[in-house]
């Protein structure tokens, strides 16, 4: 679990996803991230998330990388849990 979950937009307009763990973040990036919205920030987030999952990077660096990628594609909503 992350200390503070982050909430980002889903592919459905008006729907949000709360990500509160490395597992959920990795799943989102690898399975749900729109392929047409890739780029350097996304690739960095993917690499750091996988490194953190394997214990080779900090969880906080993975969380920060995911936030940066989500902000880059303008889907980041907040670092607070939303229902």
C-alpha atoms as a PDB file:
ATOM      1  CA  UNK A   1       0.000   0.000   0.000  1.00  0.00           C
ATOM      2  CA  UNK A   2       1.074   3.555  -0.679  1.00  0.00           C
ATOM      3  CA  UNK A   3       0.935   6.140   2.093  1.00  0.00           C
ATOM      4  CA  UNK A   4      -1.365   8.302  -0.029  1.00  0.00           C
ATOM      5  CA  UNK A   5      -3.407   6.849  -2.879  1.00  0.00           C
ATOM      6  CA  UNK A   6      -3.696   8.772  -6.125  1.00  0.00           C
ATOM      7  CA  UNK A   7      -6.806   9.176  -8.230  1.00  0.00           C
ATOM      8  CA  UNK A   8      -6.662   9.421 -11.999  1.00  0.00           C
ATOM      9  CA  UNK A   9      -9.226   9.532 -14.772  1.00  0.00           C
ATOM     10  CA  UNK A  10     -10.245   6.263 -16.362  1.00  0.00           C
ATOM     11  CA  UNK A  11     -10.945   5.793 -20.060  1.00  0.00           C
ATOM     12  CA  UNK A  12     -14.617   6.463 -19.318  1.00  0.00           C
ATOM     13  CA  UNK A  13     -15.456  10.146 -19.057  1.00  0.00           C
ATOM     14  CA  UNK A  14     -16.341  11.121 -15.514  1.00  0.00           C
ATOM     15  CA  UNK A  15     -14.987   7.888 -13.992  1.00  0.00           C
ATOM     16  CA  UNK A  16     -11.923   7.763 -11.773  1.00  0.00           C
ATOM     17  CA  UNK A  17      -9.552   5.048 -10.602  1.00  0.00           C
ATOM     18  CA  UNK A  18      -7.916   5.104  -7.183  1.00  0.00           C
ATOM     19  CA  UNK A  19      -4.461   3.579  -7.179  1.00  0.00           C
ATOM     20  CA  UNK A  20      -3.194   2.684  -3.745  1.00  0.00           C
ATOM     21  CA  UNK A  21      -0.550   0.017  -4.337  1.00  0.00           C
ATOM     22  CA  UNK A  22       2.355  -0.968  -6.557  1.00  0.00           C
ATOM     23  CA  UNK A  23       0.348  -3.882  -7.927  1.00  0.00           C
ATOM     24  CA  UNK A  24      -2.553  -1.638  -8.943  1.00  0.00           C
ATOM     25  CA  UNK A  25      -0.182   0.918 -10.458  1.00  0.00           C
ATOM     26  CA  UNK A  26       1.664  -1.712 -12.485  1.00  0.00           C
ATOM     27  CA  UNK A  27      -1.628  -3.174 -13.721  1.00  0.00           C
ATOM     28  CA  UNK A  28      -2.898   0.263 -14.731  1.00  0.00           C
ATOM     29  CA  UNK A  29       0.262   1.182 -16.624  1.00  0.00           C
ATOM     30  CA  UNK A  30       0.684  -2.179 -18.341  1.00  0.00           C
ATOM     31  CA  UNK A  31      -2.966  -3.013 -19.081  1.00  0.00           C
ATOM     32  CA  UNK A  32      -5.138   0.119 -18.975  1.00  0.00           C
ATOM     33  CA  UNK A  33      -2.922   2.983 -20.160  1.00  0.00           C
ATOM     34  CA  UNK A  34      -3.999   4.069 -23.655  1.00  0.00           C
ATOM     35  CA  UNK A  35      -1.271   2.935 -26.074  1.00  0.00           C
ATOM     36  CA  UNK A  36      -1.647   6.042 -28.203  1.00  0.00           C
ATOM     37  CA  UNK A  37      -0.625   8.165 -25.207  1.00  0.00           C
ATOM     38  CA  UNK A  38       2.869   6.871 -24.656  1.00  0.00           C
ATOM     39  CA  UNK A  39       6.111   8.823 -24.623  1.00  0.00           C
ATOM     40  CA  UNK A  40       9.210   9.397 -22.554  1.00  0.00           C
ATOM     41  CA  UNK A  41       7.352  10.190 -19.319  1.00  0.00           C
ATOM     42  CA  UNK A  42       5.206   7.068 -19.688  1.00  0.00           C
ATOM     43  CA  UNK A  43       8.233   4.888 -20.464  1.00  0.00           C
ATOM     44  CA  UNK A  44      10.028   6.284 -17.406  1.00  0.00           C
ATOM     45  CA  UNK A  45       6.986   5.586 -15.221  1.00  0.00           C
ATOM     46  CA  UNK A  46       6.724   2.050 -16.564  1.00  0.00           C
ATOM     47  CA  UNK A  47      10.422   1.375 -15.963  1.00  0.00           C
ATOM     48  CA  UNK A  48      10.409   2.840 -12.424  1.00  0.00           C
ATOM     49  CA  UNK A  49       7.206   0.970 -11.514  1.00  0.00           C
ATOM     50  CA  UNK A  50       8.688  -2.328 -12.685  1.00  0.00           C
ATOM     51  CA  UNK A  51      11.968  -1.578 -10.886  1.00  0.00           C
ATOM     52  CA  UNK A  52      10.090  -0.805  -7.660  1.00  0.00           C
ATOM     53  CA  UNK A  53       7.978  -3.935  -8.035  1.00  0.00           C
ATOM     54  CA  UNK A  54      11.208  -5.953  -8.240  1.00  0.00           C
ATOM     55  CA  UNK A  55      12.689  -4.095  -5.255  1.00  0.00           C
ATOM     56  CA  UNK A  56      15.198  -2.074  -7.295  1.00  0.00           C
ATOM     57  CA  UNK A  57      13.569   1.356  -6.804  1.00  0.00           C
ATOM     58  CA  UNK A  58      11.610   2.971  -4.005  1.00  0.00           C
ATOM     59  CA  UNK A  59       7.840   2.839  -3.862  1.00  0.00           C
ATOM     60  CA  UNK A  60       7.766   6.624  -3.531  1.00  0.00           C
ATOM     61  CA  UNK A  61       9.793   7.071  -6.735  1.00  0.00           C
ATOM     62  CA  UNK A  62       7.349   4.787  -8.550  1.00  0.00           C
ATOM     63  CA  UNK A  63       4.382   6.739  -7.197  1.00  0.00           C
ATOM     64  CA  UNK A  64       6.006  10.032  -8.261  1.00  0.00           C
ATOM     65  CA  UNK A  65       6.744   8.671 -11.742  1.00  0.00           C
ATOM     66  CA  UNK A  66       3.121   7.566 -12.157  1.00  0.00           C
ATOM     67  CA  UNK A  67       1.869  10.998 -11.073  1.00  0.00           C
ATOM     68  CA  UNK A  68       4.248  12.690 -13.547  1.00  0.00           C
ATOM     69  CA  UNK A  69       3.038  10.491 -16.404  1.00  0.00           C
ATOM     70  CA  UNK A  70      -0.615  11.047 -15.507  1.00  0.00           C
ATOM     71  CA  UNK A  71      -0.074  14.814 -15.279  1.00  0.00           C
ATOM     72  CA  UNK A  72       1.666  14.749 -18.649  1.00  0.00           C
ATOM     73  CA  UNK A  73      -1.385  13.240 -20.293  1.00  0.00           C
ATOM     74  CA  UNK A  74      -3.667  15.411 -18.142  1.00  0.00           C
ATOM     75  CA  UNK A  75      -5.434  12.580 -16.355  1.00  0.00           C
ATOM     76  CA  UNK A  76      -4.137  13.132 -12.832  1.00  0.00           C
ATOM     77  CA  UNK A  77      -6.896  14.098 -10.428  1.00  0.00           C
ATOM     78  CA  UNK A  78      -5.515  14.127  -6.897  1.00  0.00           C
ATOM     79  CA  UNK A  79      -3.531  12.377  -4.236  1.00  0.00           C
ATOM     80  CA  UNK A  80      -6.590  11.823  -2.063  1.00  0.00           C
ATOM     81  CA  UNK A  81      -8.956   8.859  -2.212  1.00  0.00           C
ATOM     82  CA  UNK A  82     -12.226   9.479  -4.101  1.00  0.00           C
ATOM     83  CA  UNK A  83     -15.249   7.197  -4.492  1.00  0.00           C
END
